[in-house]
Amino acid sequence: MKIIKLFFVAIFIIATTFETTYSQRVIKRKVAIGRFSNETQYAKGLFYDKENDPMGKQALDILSAKLSASNKFILLERSDMDKIYKESANADKTLQQMIPADYLILGSITQFGRKNLGKSGVFSNKKTQIVEATVSIRLVDVISGLIIYSDEGKGSSEIVSKTVLGIGGKAGFDASLSDKAISTAISQLVENIINKCTNKAWRSYFLSYDKDAILISGGKSQGLLPGDKFSVFSKGKKIKNPQNGLMIELPGKQVGSVLIISSGGNTSETEYSFVKFAEGGIDSNKLNNYYIEEIKQ
């Protein structure tokens, strides 16, 4: 009897662990990070090269590292994404057609400053180096083209050197202070970026539908596994908001569900998955009228 009880306890633990792991699994969103612009006084000098701005690249690298560490995103770094976003307003294509991502991040360093504070005594001298930075972030939903999150973070870092009777460190300017100040500013924004991107259900689209196979976008690198189930919706009606002139897509109607069979593709941008319908169906001649959406737990 004891052996039987232990067997069922083990099965229960394994099942519970699997259920918890599955429920916590997050389908990775594709995020494109546009160029970080430098809007500070340092970038307004006559001989400053804005195309090779070290401070902007520094901020982009820090944000990329922090988002990558969350293991919830596939990052698509595009130095010209900010230009594409501006040009899309006058282009024939939608922002979604021009950018192969779910979200676009546009950032800028709006303030950056250095200052030295000194204090002299009879026997000692104290010098404090301080760097302060302000970073602004805009998060754009590529599907709607709307800015869904905008905020700024502020960070500072400092180092103190002290001499007593001429003995002690006499440090020059520490360049790492810039990294620390920008990193602190970005850290204040990262959690909100992650929440905004993952709160909305992951969405995919039909690529092909014929007698041989049904394909949707997305695959293994985003976390799709055989057996995963997703809802299928027909797109809602689009109406114009008279208050701001923007087009709004109304909620769609669920018409069925699909199961992942297997995935293929060489890169995150070209991945696809084979699916089969578990419930319902669609008009295979009007694939653009439907989308596939994650079932939120």
C-alpha atoms as a PDB file:
ATOM      1  CA  MET A   1       0.000   0.000   0.000  1.00  0.00           C
ATOM      2  CA  LYS A   2       2.815   2.384   0.846  1.00  0.00           C
ATOM      3  CA  ILE A   3       4.418   1.800  -2.549  1.00  0.00           C
ATOM      4  CA  ILE A   4       1.118   2.527  -4.315  1.00  0.00           C
ATOM      5  CA  LYS A   5       0.626   5.705  -2.289  1.00  0.00           C
ATOM      6  CA  LEU A   6       4.165   6.875  -3.079  1.00  0.00           C
ATOM      7  CA  PHE A   7       3.575   6.147  -6.760  1.00  0.00           C
ATOM      8  CA  PHE A   8       0.436   8.316  -6.892  1.00  0.00           C
ATOM      9  CA  VAL A   9       2.143  11.103  -4.907  1.00  0.00           C
ATOM     10  CA  ALA A  10       5.008  11.090  -7.429  1.00  0.00           C
ATOM     11  CA  ILE A  11       2.541  11.239 -10.340  1.00  0.00           C
ATOM     12  CA  PHE A  12       0.727  14.158  -8.681  1.00  0.00           C
ATOM     13  CA  ILE A  13       3.988  16.088  -8.168  1.00  0.00           C
ATOM     14  CA  ILE A  14       5.051  15.544 -11.782  1.00  0.00           C
ATOM     15  CA  ALA A  15       1.645  16.603 -13.116  1.00  0.00           C
ATOM     16  CA  THR A  16       1.575  19.682 -10.892  1.00  0.00           C
ATOM     17  CA  THR A  17       5.081  20.669 -11.946  1.00  0.00           C
ATOM     18  CA  PHE A  18       4.198  20.266 -15.634  1.00  0.00           C
ATOM     19  CA  GLU A  19       1.000  22.298 -15.243  1.00  0.00           C
ATOM     20  CA  THR A  20       2.842  25.073 -13.403  1.00  0.00           C
ATOM     21  CA  THR A  21       5.637  25.131 -15.986  1.00  0.00           C
ATOM     22  CA  TYR A  22       3.157  25.225 -18.873  1.00  0.00           C
ATOM     23  CA  SER A  23       1.049  27.975 -17.318  1.00  0.00           C
ATOM     24  CA  GLN A  24       4.161  30.069 -16.707  1.00  0.00           C
ATOM     25  CA  ARG A  25       5.515  29.600 -20.231  1.00  0.00           C
ATOM     26  CA  VAL A  26       5.400  32.825 -22.198  1.00  0.00           C
ATOM     27  CA  ILE A  27       5.254  32.981 -25.984  1.00  0.00           C
ATOM     28  CA  LYS A  28       8.071  35.313 -26.929  1.00  0.00           C
ATOM     29  CA  ARG A  29       7.054  38.567 -28.560  1.00  0.00           C
ATOM     30  CA  LYS A  30       9.062  39.971 -31.451  1.00  0.00           C
ATOM     31  CA  VAL A  31      10.329  43.424 -30.520  1.00  0.00           C
ATOM     32  CA  ALA A  32      12.173  45.743 -32.896  1.00  0.00           C
ATOM     33  CA  ILE A  33      14.411  48.294 -31.216  1.00  0.00           C
ATOM     34  CA  GLY A  34      14.831  51.450 -33.266  1.00  0.00           C
ATOM     35  CA  ARG A  35      17.822  53.718 -33.004  1.00  0.00           C
ATOM     36  CA  PHE A  36      18.228  55.633 -29.747  1.00  0.00           C
ATOM     37  CA  SER A  37      18.480  59.323 -30.599  1.00  0.00           C
ATOM     38  CA  ASN A  38      20.627  61.683 -28.562  1.00  0.00           C
ATOM     39  CA  GLU A  39      18.681  64.846 -27.824  1.00  0.00           C
ATOM     40  CA  THR A  40      21.160  66.255 -25.299  1.00  0.00           C
ATOM     41  CA  GLN A  41      23.403  69.281 -25.691  1.00  0.00           C
ATOM     42  CA  TYR A  42      26.296  66.924 -26.394  1.00  0.00           C
ATOM     43  CA  ALA A  43      24.630  65.929 -29.685  1.00  0.00           C
ATOM     44  CA  LYS A  44      24.097  69.501 -30.888  1.00  0.00           C
ATOM     45  CA  GLY A  45      27.723  70.327 -31.479  1.00  0.00           C
ATOM     46  CA  LEU A  46      28.814  71.229 -35.000  1.00  0.00           C
ATOM     47  CA  PHE A  47      31.221  68.303 -35.317  1.00  0.00           C
ATOM     48  CA  TYR A  48      29.170  65.687 -33.493  1.00  0.00           C
ATOM     49  CA  ASP A  49      28.528  62.592 -35.640  1.00  0.00           C
ATOM     50  CA  LYS A  50      24.886  61.682 -35.018  1.00  0.00           C
ATOM     51  CA  GLU A  51      25.097  58.656 -37.316  1.00  0.00           C
ATOM     52  CA  ASN A  52      27.727  57.086 -35.047  1.00  0.00           C
ATOM     53  CA  ASP A  53      26.536  58.362 -31.703  1.00  0.00           C
ATOM     54  CA  PRO A  54      28.299  56.342 -28.968  1.00  0.00           C
ATOM     55  CA  MET A  55      25.870  57.399 -26.258  1.00  0.00           C
ATOM     56  CA  GLY A  56      22.808  56.342 -28.239  1.00  0.00           C
ATOM     57  CA  LYS A  57      24.401  52.995 -29.088  1.00  0.00           C
ATOM     58  CA  GLN A  58      25.304  52.596 -25.431  1.00  0.00           C
ATOM     59  CA  ALA A  59      21.659  53.055 -24.405  1.00  0.00           C
ATOM     60  CA  LEU A  60      20.431  50.671 -27.121  1.00  0.00           C
ATOM     61  CA  ASP A  61      22.876  47.964 -26.002  1.00  0.00           C
ATOM     62  CA  ILE A  62      21.816  48.326 -22.367  1.00  0.00           C
ATOM     63  CA  LEU A  63      18.100  48.080 -23.222  1.00  0.00           C
ATOM     64  CA  SER A  64      18.729  45.069 -25.484  1.00  0.00           C
ATOM     65  CA  ALA A  65      20.628  43.281 -22.722  1.00  0.00           C
ATOM     66  CA  LYS A  66      17.913  43.900 -20.137  1.00  0.00           C
ATOM     67  CA  LEU A  67      15.062  42.766 -22.418  1.00  0.00           C
ATOM     68  CA  SER A  68      17.044  39.718 -23.520  1.00  0.00           C
ATOM     69  CA  ALA A  69      17.679  38.757 -19.893  1.00  0.00           C
ATOM     70  CA  SER A  70      13.904  38.522 -19.312  1.00  0.00           C
ATOM     71  CA  ASN A  71      13.781  35.641 -21.865  1.00  0.00           C
ATOM     72  CA  LYS A  72      10.401  36.918 -23.096  1.00  0.00           C
ATOM     73  CA  PHE A  73      11.411  38.521 -26.377  1.00  0.00           C
ATOM     74  CA  ILE A  74      12.996  37.943 -29.740  1.00  0.00           C
ATOM     75  CA  LEU A  75      14.892  41.146 -30.391  1.00  0.00           C
ATOM     76  CA  LEU A  76      15.130  42.558 -33.896  1.00  0.00           C
ATOM     77  CA  GLU A  77      17.573  45.450 -33.865  1.00  0.00           C
ATOM     78  CA  ARG A  78      17.094  47.793 -36.797  1.00  0.00           C
ATOM     79  CA  SER A  79      19.026  51.053 -36.916  1.00  0.00           C
ATOM     80  CA  ASP A  80      16.499  52.574 -39.333  1.00  0.00           C
ATOM     81  CA  MET A  81      13.307  51.535 -37.544  1.00  0.00           C
ATOM     82  CA  ASP A  82      12.611  55.060 -36.326  1.00  0.00           C
ATOM     83  CA  LYS A  83      12.780  56.342 -39.923  1.00  0.00           C
ATOM     84  CA  ILE A  84      10.468  53.563 -41.101  1.00  0.00           C
ATOM     85  CA  TYR A  85       7.966  54.490 -38.383  1.00  0.00           C
ATOM     86  CA  LYS A  86       7.928  58.133 -39.489  1.00  0.00           C
ATOM     87  CA  GLU A  87       7.662  57.244 -43.169  1.00  0.00           C
ATOM     88  CA  SER A  88       4.843  54.723 -42.679  1.00  0.00           C
ATOM     89  CA  ALA A  89       2.332  57.525 -42.174  1.00  0.00           C
ATOM     90  CA  ASN A  90       2.748  58.482 -45.842  1.00  0.00           C
ATOM     91  CA  ALA A  91       3.388  55.000 -47.240  1.00  0.00           C
ATOM     92  CA  ASP A  92       0.962  52.691 -48.989  1.00  0.00           C
ATOM     93  CA  LYS A  93       1.902  49.857 -46.634  1.00  0.00           C
ATOM     94  CA  THR A  94       0.860  49.641 -43.005  1.00  0.00           C
ATOM     95  CA  LEU A  95       3.429  49.719 -40.204  1.00  0.00           C
ATOM     96  CA  GLN A  96       2.738  46.021 -39.631  1.00  0.00           C
ATOM     97  CA  GLN A  97       3.698  45.203 -43.230  1.00  0.00           C
ATOM     98  CA  MET A  98       6.913  47.219 -42.984  1.00  0.00           C
ATOM     99  CA  ILE A  99       8.161  45.889 -39.637  1.00  0.00           C
ATOM    100  CA  PRO A 100       8.332  42.115 -38.928  1.00  0.00           C
ATOM    101  CA  ALA A 101       7.631  42.524 -35.217  1.00  0.00           C
ATOM    102  CA  ASP A 102       4.833  42.793 -32.670  1.00  0.00           C
ATOM    103  CA  TYR A 103       6.201  45.941 -31.026  1.00  0.00           C
ATOM    104  CA  LEU A 104       8.584  48.754 -31.897  1.00  0.00           C
ATOM    105  CA  ILE A 105      10.626  50.596 -29.276  1.00  0.00           C
ATOM    106  CA  LEU A 106      11.828  54.141 -29.950  1.00  0.00           C
ATOM    107  CA  GLY A 107      14.128  55.726 -27.403  1.00  0.00           C
ATOM    108  CA  SER A 108      16.052  58.923 -26.801  1.00  0.00           C
ATOM    109  CA  ILE A 109      18.448  60.318 -24.250  1.00  0.00           C
ATOM    110  CA  THR A 110      16.908  63.672 -23.398  1.00  0.00           C
ATOM    111  CA  GLN A 111      19.263  64.861 -20.648  1.00  0.00           C
ATOM    112  CA  PHE A 112      22.831  64.072 -19.734  1.00  0.00           C
ATOM    113  CA  GLY A 113      25.137  65.962 -17.408  1.00  0.00           C
ATOM    114  CA  ARG A 114      28.352  65.696 -15.444  1.00  0.00           C
ATOM    115  CA  LYS A 115      29.415  67.644 -12.418  1.00  0.00           C
ATOM    116  CA  ASN A 116      32.216  67.633  -9.880  1.00  0.00           C
ATOM    117  CA  LEU A 117      31.791  68.540  -6.249  1.00  0.00           C
ATOM    118  CA  GLY A 118      34.794  69.235  -4.061  1.00  0.00           C
ATOM    119  CA  LYS A 119      35.354  69.746  -0.380  1.00  0.00           C
ATOM    120  CA  SER A 120      38.672  70.836   1.062  1.00  0.00           C
ATOM    121  CA  GLY A 121      39.726  70.591   4.681  1.00  0.00           C
ATOM    122  CA  VAL A 122      42.862  71.353   6.631  1.00  0.00           C
ATOM    123  CA  PHE A 123      44.211  67.848   6.234  1.00  0.00           C
ATOM    124  CA  SER A 124      41.944  66.277   3.603  1.00  0.00           C
ATOM    125  CA  ASN A 125      40.335  66.826   0.218  1.00  0.00           C
ATOM    126  CA  LYS A 126      37.224  65.150  -1.094  1.00  0.00           C
ATOM    127  CA  LYS A 127      36.060  65.060  -4.712  1.00  0.00           C
ATOM    128  CA  THR A 128      32.733  63.657  -5.925  1.00  0.00           C
ATOM    129  CA  GLN A 129      32.063  62.960  -9.606  1.00  0.00           C
ATOM    130  CA  ILE A 130      28.358  62.731 -10.542  1.00  0.00           C
ATOM    131  CA  VAL A 131      26.687  61.781 -13.829  1.00  0.00           C
ATOM    132  CA  GLU A 132      22.927  62.193 -14.381  1.00  0.00           C
ATOM    133  CA  ALA A 133      20.895  60.901 -17.333  1.00  0.00           C
ATOM    134  CA  THR A 134      17.269  60.955 -18.462  1.00  0.00           C
ATOM    135  CA  VAL A 135      15.989  58.409 -20.988  1.00  0.00           C
ATOM    136  CA  SER A 136      12.650  58.585 -22.822  1.00  0.00           C
ATOM    137  CA  ILE A 137      10.922  55.500 -24.262  1.00  0.00           C
ATOM    138  CA  ARG A 138       7.977  55.039 -26.652  1.00  0.00           C
ATOM    139  CA  LEU A 139       6.462  51.599 -27.200  1.00  0.00           C
ATOM    140  CA  VAL A 140       4.464  51.218 -30.420  1.00  0.00           C
ATOM    141  CA  ASP A 141       1.962  48.440 -31.127  1.00  0.00           C
ATOM    142  CA  VAL A 142       2.893  47.530 -34.708  1.00  0.00           C
ATOM    143  CA  ILE A 143      -0.570  46.095 -35.453  1.00  0.00           C
ATOM    144  CA  SER A 144      -2.429  49.315 -34.634  1.00  0.00           C
ATOM    145  CA  GLY A 145       0.458  51.765 -35.104  1.00  0.00           C
ATOM    146  CA  LEU A 146      -0.452  53.392 -31.793  1.00  0.00           C
ATOM    147  CA  ILE A 147       1.904  54.366 -28.979  1.00  0.00           C
ATOM    148  CA  ILE A 148       0.750  52.196 -26.065  1.00  0.00           C
ATOM    149  CA  TYR A 149       3.371  53.275 -23.545  1.00  0.00           C
ATOM    150  CA  SER A 150       5.458  56.410 -23.160  1.00  0.00           C
ATOM    151  CA  ASP A 151       7.545  57.354 -20.164  1.00  0.00           C
ATOM    152  CA  GLU A 152      10.949  58.544 -19.038  1.00  0.00           C
ATOM    153  CA  GLY A 153      13.384  57.296 -16.449  1.00  0.00           C
ATOM    154  CA  LYS A 154      16.099  59.151 -14.579  1.00  0.00           C
ATOM    155  CA  GLY A 155      19.346  57.737 -13.270  1.00  0.00           C
ATOM    156  CA  SER A 156      22.515  58.951 -11.610  1.00  0.00           C
ATOM    157  CA  SER A 157      25.826  57.515 -10.505  1.00  0.00           C
ATOM    158  CA  GLU A 158      28.728  58.901  -8.564  1.00  0.00           C
ATOM    159  CA  ILE A 159      32.225  58.126  -7.384  1.00  0.00           C
ATOM    160  CA  VAL A 160      34.082  59.679  -4.468  1.00  0.00           C
ATOM    161  CA  SER A 161      37.844  60.087  -4.166  1.00  0.00           C
ATOM    162  CA  LYS A 162      39.525  61.315  -0.988  1.00  0.00           C
ATOM    163  CA  THR A 163      43.009  62.317   0.007  1.00  0.00           C
ATOM    164  CA  VAL A 164      44.351  62.782   3.549  1.00  0.00           C
ATOM    165  CA  LEU A 165      47.658  64.613   3.942  1.00  0.00           C
ATOM    166  CA  GLY A 166      48.209  64.122   0.245  1.00  0.00           C
ATOM    167  CA  ILE A 167      47.719  60.378   0.475  1.00  0.00           C
ATOM    168  CA  GLY A 168      44.832  58.721  -1.354  1.00  0.00           C
ATOM    169  CA  GLY A 169      43.274  58.298  -4.785  1.00  0.00           C
ATOM    170  CA  LYS A 170      43.177  61.146  -7.270  1.00  0.00           C
ATOM    171  CA  ALA A 171      40.895  59.675  -9.885  1.00  0.00           C
ATOM    172  CA  GLY A 172      40.226  61.302 -13.252  1.00  0.00           C
ATOM    173  CA  PHE A 173      36.786  61.127 -14.802  1.00  0.00           C
ATOM    174  CA  ASP A 174      35.391  57.586 -14.682  1.00  0.00           C
ATOM    175  CA  ALA A 175      33.742  56.806 -18.045  1.00  0.00           C
ATOM    176  CA  SER A 176      31.790  53.896 -16.521  1.00  0.00           C
ATOM    177  CA  LEU A 177      29.656  56.433 -14.653  1.00  0.00           C
ATOM    178  CA  SER A 178      27.837  57.142 -17.954  1.00  0.00           C
ATOM    179  CA  ASP A 179      26.959  53.458 -18.334  1.00  0.00           C
ATOM    180  CA  LYS A 180      25.669  53.253 -14.773  1.00  0.00           C
ATOM    181  CA  ALA A 181      23.519  56.395 -15.026  1.00  0.00           C
ATOM    182  CA  ILE A 182      21.919  55.363 -18.340  1.00  0.00           C
ATOM    183  CA  SER A 183      21.440  51.783 -17.083  1.00  0.00           C
ATOM    184  CA  THR A 184      19.678  53.038 -13.940  1.00  0.00           C
ATOM    185  CA  ALA A 185      17.362  55.237 -16.020  1.00  0.00           C
ATOM    186  CA  ILE A 186      16.467  52.378 -18.382  1.00  0.00           C
ATOM    187  CA  SER A 187      15.935  49.942 -15.493  1.00  0.00           C
ATOM    188  CA  GLN A 188      13.050  52.095 -14.277  1.00  0.00           C
ATOM    189  CA  LEU A 189      11.242  51.504 -17.594  1.00  0.00           C
ATOM    190  CA  VAL A 190      12.009  47.864 -18.415  1.00  0.00           C
ATOM    191  CA  GLU A 191       9.398  46.262 -16.149  1.00  0.00           C
ATOM    192  CA  ASN A 192       6.616  48.385 -17.641  1.00  0.00           C
ATOM    193  CA  ILE A 193       7.805  47.571 -21.167  1.00  0.00           C
ATOM    194  CA  ILE A 194       7.718  43.843 -20.378  1.00  0.00           C
ATOM    195  CA  ASN A 195       4.243  44.077 -18.824  1.00  0.00           C
ATOM    196  CA  LYS A 196       2.809  46.111 -21.720  1.00  0.00           C
ATOM    197  CA  CYS A 197       4.146  43.643 -24.285  1.00  0.00           C
ATOM    198  CA  THR A 198       3.057  40.456 -22.520  1.00  0.00           C
ATOM    199  CA  ASN A 199      -0.316  41.561 -21.116  1.00  0.00           C
ATOM    200  CA  LYS A 200      -1.827  41.547 -24.587  1.00  0.00           C
ATOM    201  CA  ALA A 201      -2.453  38.092 -26.068  1.00  0.00           C
ATOM    202  CA  TRP A 202       0.104  36.922 -28.641  1.00  0.00           C
ATOM    203  CA  ARG A 203      -1.258  37.028 -32.176  1.00  0.00           C
ATOM    204  CA  SER A 204      -0.393  35.213 -35.401  1.00  0.00           C
ATOM    205  CA  TYR A 205      -1.763  34.960 -38.949  1.00  0.00           C
ATOM    206  CA  PHE A 206      -2.460  32.329 -41.583  1.00  0.00           C
ATOM    207  CA  LEU A 207       0.244  32.005 -44.226  1.00  0.00           C
ATOM    208  CA  SER A 208      -1.199  29.205 -46.354  1.00  0.00           C
ATOM    209  CA  TYR A 209      -4.227  26.932 -46.444  1.00  0.00           C
ATOM    210  CA  ASP A 210      -4.627  24.047 -48.894  1.00  0.00           C
ATOM    211  CA  LYS A 211      -5.364  20.335 -48.917  1.00  0.00           C
ATOM    212  CA  ASP A 212      -1.762  19.485 -48.000  1.00  0.00           C
ATOM    213  CA  ALA A 213      -1.163  21.800 -45.035  1.00  0.00           C
ATOM    214  CA  ILE A 214      -2.282  24.817 -43.024  1.00  0.00           C
ATOM    215  CA  LEU A 215       0.541  27.188 -42.040  1.00  0.00           C
ATOM    216  CA  ILE A 216       0.653  30.081 -39.573  1.00  0.00           C
ATOM    217  CA  SER A 217       3.457  32.508 -38.720  1.00  0.00           C
ATOM    218  CA  GLY A 218       5.620  31.833 -35.647  1.00  0.00           C
ATOM    219  CA  GLY A 219       7.575  28.817 -34.538  1.00  0.00           C
ATOM    220  CA  LYS A 220       9.940  27.124 -32.136  1.00  0.00           C
ATOM    221  CA  SER A 221      12.088  30.159 -31.252  1.00  0.00           C
ATOM    222  CA  GLN A 222       8.994  31.958 -29.948  1.00  0.00           C
ATOM    223  CA  GLY A 223       8.111  28.978 -27.763  1.00  0.00           C
ATOM    224  CA  LEU A 224       5.419  27.265 -29.843  1.00  0.00           C
ATOM    225  CA  LEU A 225       5.256  23.528 -29.118  1.00  0.00           C
ATOM    226  CA  PRO A 226       3.353  20.622 -30.701  1.00  0.00           C
ATOM    227  CA  GLY A 227      -0.037  20.321 -29.018  1.00  0.00           C
ATOM    228  CA  ASP A 228      -0.366  24.029 -28.182  1.00  0.00           C
ATOM    229  CA  LYS A 229      -3.897  25.279 -28.768  1.00  0.00           C
ATOM    230  CA  PHE A 230      -4.866  28.724 -30.078  1.00  0.00           C
ATOM    231  CA  SER A 231      -8.146  30.474 -30.792  1.00  0.00           C
ATOM    232  CA  VAL A 232      -9.056  31.574 -34.324  1.00  0.00           C
ATOM    233  CA  PHE A 233     -10.958  34.834 -34.844  1.00  0.00           C
ATOM    234  CA  SER A 234     -12.494  36.618 -37.780  1.00  0.00           C
ATOM    235  CA  LYS A 235     -11.327  40.240 -37.854  1.00  0.00           C
ATOM    236  CA  GLY A 236     -13.687  42.818 -36.423  1.00  0.00           C
ATOM    237  CA  LYS A 237     -15.097  45.737 -38.353  1.00  0.00           C
ATOM    238  CA  LYS A 238     -12.900  48.832 -38.713  1.00  0.00           C
ATOM    239  CA  ILE A 239     -14.429  52.165 -37.788  1.00  0.00           C
ATOM    240  CA  LYS A 240     -13.064  55.695 -37.688  1.00  0.00           C
ATOM    241  CA  ASN A 241     -12.863  57.519 -34.380  1.00  0.00           C
ATOM    242  CA  PRO A 242     -14.278  61.018 -35.120  1.00  0.00           C
ATOM    243  CA  GLN A 243     -12.448  62.455 -32.104  1.00  0.00           C
ATOM    244  CA  ASN A 244      -8.924  61.797 -33.383  1.00  0.00           C
ATOM    245  CA  GLY A 245      -9.420  60.449 -36.907  1.00  0.00           C
ATOM    246  CA  LEU A 246      -7.778  57.091 -36.117  1.00  0.00           C
ATOM    247  CA  MET A 247      -9.105  53.778 -37.399  1.00  0.00           C
ATOM    248  CA  ILE A 248     -10.179  51.337 -34.681  1.00  0.00           C
ATOM    249  CA  GLU A 249     -10.620  47.603 -35.205  1.00  0.00           C
ATOM    250  CA  LEU A 250     -13.490  46.200 -33.167  1.00  0.00           C
ATOM    251  CA  PRO A 251     -13.065  42.864 -31.344  1.00  0.00           C
ATOM    252  CA  GLY A 252     -13.217  39.827 -33.601  1.00  0.00           C
ATOM    253  CA  LYS A 253     -15.528  36.840 -33.386  1.00  0.00           C
ATOM    254  CA  GLN A 254     -14.128  33.441 -32.465  1.00  0.00           C
ATOM    255  CA  VAL A 255     -14.717  30.935 -35.250  1.00  0.00           C
ATOM    256  CA  GLY A 256     -12.635  27.985 -34.075  1.00  0.00           C
ATOM    257  CA  SER A 257      -9.330  26.789 -32.648  1.00  0.00           C
ATOM    258  CA  VAL A 258      -6.158  25.181 -34.000  1.00  0.00           C
ATOM    259  CA  LEU A 259      -3.468  22.851 -32.639  1.00  0.00           C
ATOM    260  CA  ILE A 260       0.235  23.115 -33.429  1.00  0.00           C
ATOM    261  CA  ILE A 261       1.540  20.010 -35.237  1.00  0.00           C
ATOM    262  CA  SER A 262       5.148  21.002 -35.946  1.00  0.00           C
ATOM    263  CA  SER A 263       7.311  24.021 -36.804  1.00  0.00           C
ATOM    264  CA  GLY A 264       9.873  24.925 -39.463  1.00  0.00           C
ATOM    265  CA  GLY A 265      11.951  27.822 -40.766  1.00  0.00           C
ATOM    266  CA  ASN A 266      15.569  28.888 -40.402  1.00  0.00           C
ATOM    267  CA  THR A 267      15.248  32.196 -38.531  1.00  0.00           C
ATOM    268  CA  SER A 268      12.786  33.881 -36.190  1.00  0.00           C
ATOM    269  CA  GLU A 269      11.650  36.076 -39.088  1.00  0.00           C
ATOM    270  CA  THR A 270      10.923  33.149 -41.431  1.00  0.00           C
ATOM    271  CA  GLU A 271       9.544  30.582 -38.976  1.00  0.00           C
ATOM    272  CA  TYR A 272       6.173  28.963 -39.514  1.00  0.00           C
ATOM    273  CA  SER A 273       4.084  26.237 -37.897  1.00  0.00           C
ATOM    274  CA  PHE A 274       1.843  23.511 -39.299  1.00  0.00           C
ATOM    275  CA  VAL A 275      -1.570  23.450 -37.610  1.00  0.00           C
ATOM    276  CA  LYS A 276      -4.840  21.555 -37.755  1.00  0.00           C
ATOM    277  CA  PHE A 277      -8.303  22.691 -36.739  1.00  0.00           C
ATOM    278  CA  ALA A 278      -9.532  21.310 -33.439  1.00  0.00           C
ATOM    279  CA  GLU A 279     -12.821  23.202 -33.719  1.00  0.00           C
ATOM    280  CA  GLY A 280     -14.615  25.272 -36.342  1.00  0.00           C
ATOM    281  CA  GLY A 281     -13.061  26.463 -39.583  1.00  0.00           C
ATOM    282  CA  ILE A 282     -12.449  29.404 -41.926  1.00  0.00           C
ATOM    283  CA  ASP A 283     -12.894  30.408 -45.555  1.00  0.00           C
ATOM    284  CA  SER A 284      -9.553  29.328 -47.063  1.00  0.00           C
ATOM    285  CA  ASN A 285      -9.923  31.909 -49.837  1.00  0.00           C
ATOM    286  CA  LYS A 286      -9.976  34.827 -47.379  1.00  0.00           C
ATOM    287  CA  LEU A 287      -7.012  34.191 -45.066  1.00  0.00           C
ATOM    288  CA  ASN A 288      -6.477  37.911 -44.463  1.00  0.00           C
ATOM    289  CA  ASN A 289      -9.846  38.087 -42.702  1.00  0.00           C
ATOM    290  CA  TYR A 290      -8.642  35.959 -39.776  1.00  0.00           C
ATOM    291  CA  TYR A 291      -6.044  35.870 -37.034  1.00  0.00           C
ATOM    292  CA  ILE A 292      -4.856  33.359 -34.442  1.00  0.00           C
ATOM    293  CA  GLU A 293      -4.602  34.402 -30.822  1.00  0.00           C
ATOM    294  CA  GLU A 294      -3.103  32.993 -27.642  1.00  0.00           C
ATOM    295  CA  ILE A 295      -5.544  31.588 -25.093  1.00  0.00           C
ATOM    296  CA  LYS A 296      -4.797  33.515 -21.890  1.00  0.00           C
ATOM    297  CA  GLN A 297      -4.742  31.413 -18.734  1.00  0.00           C
END
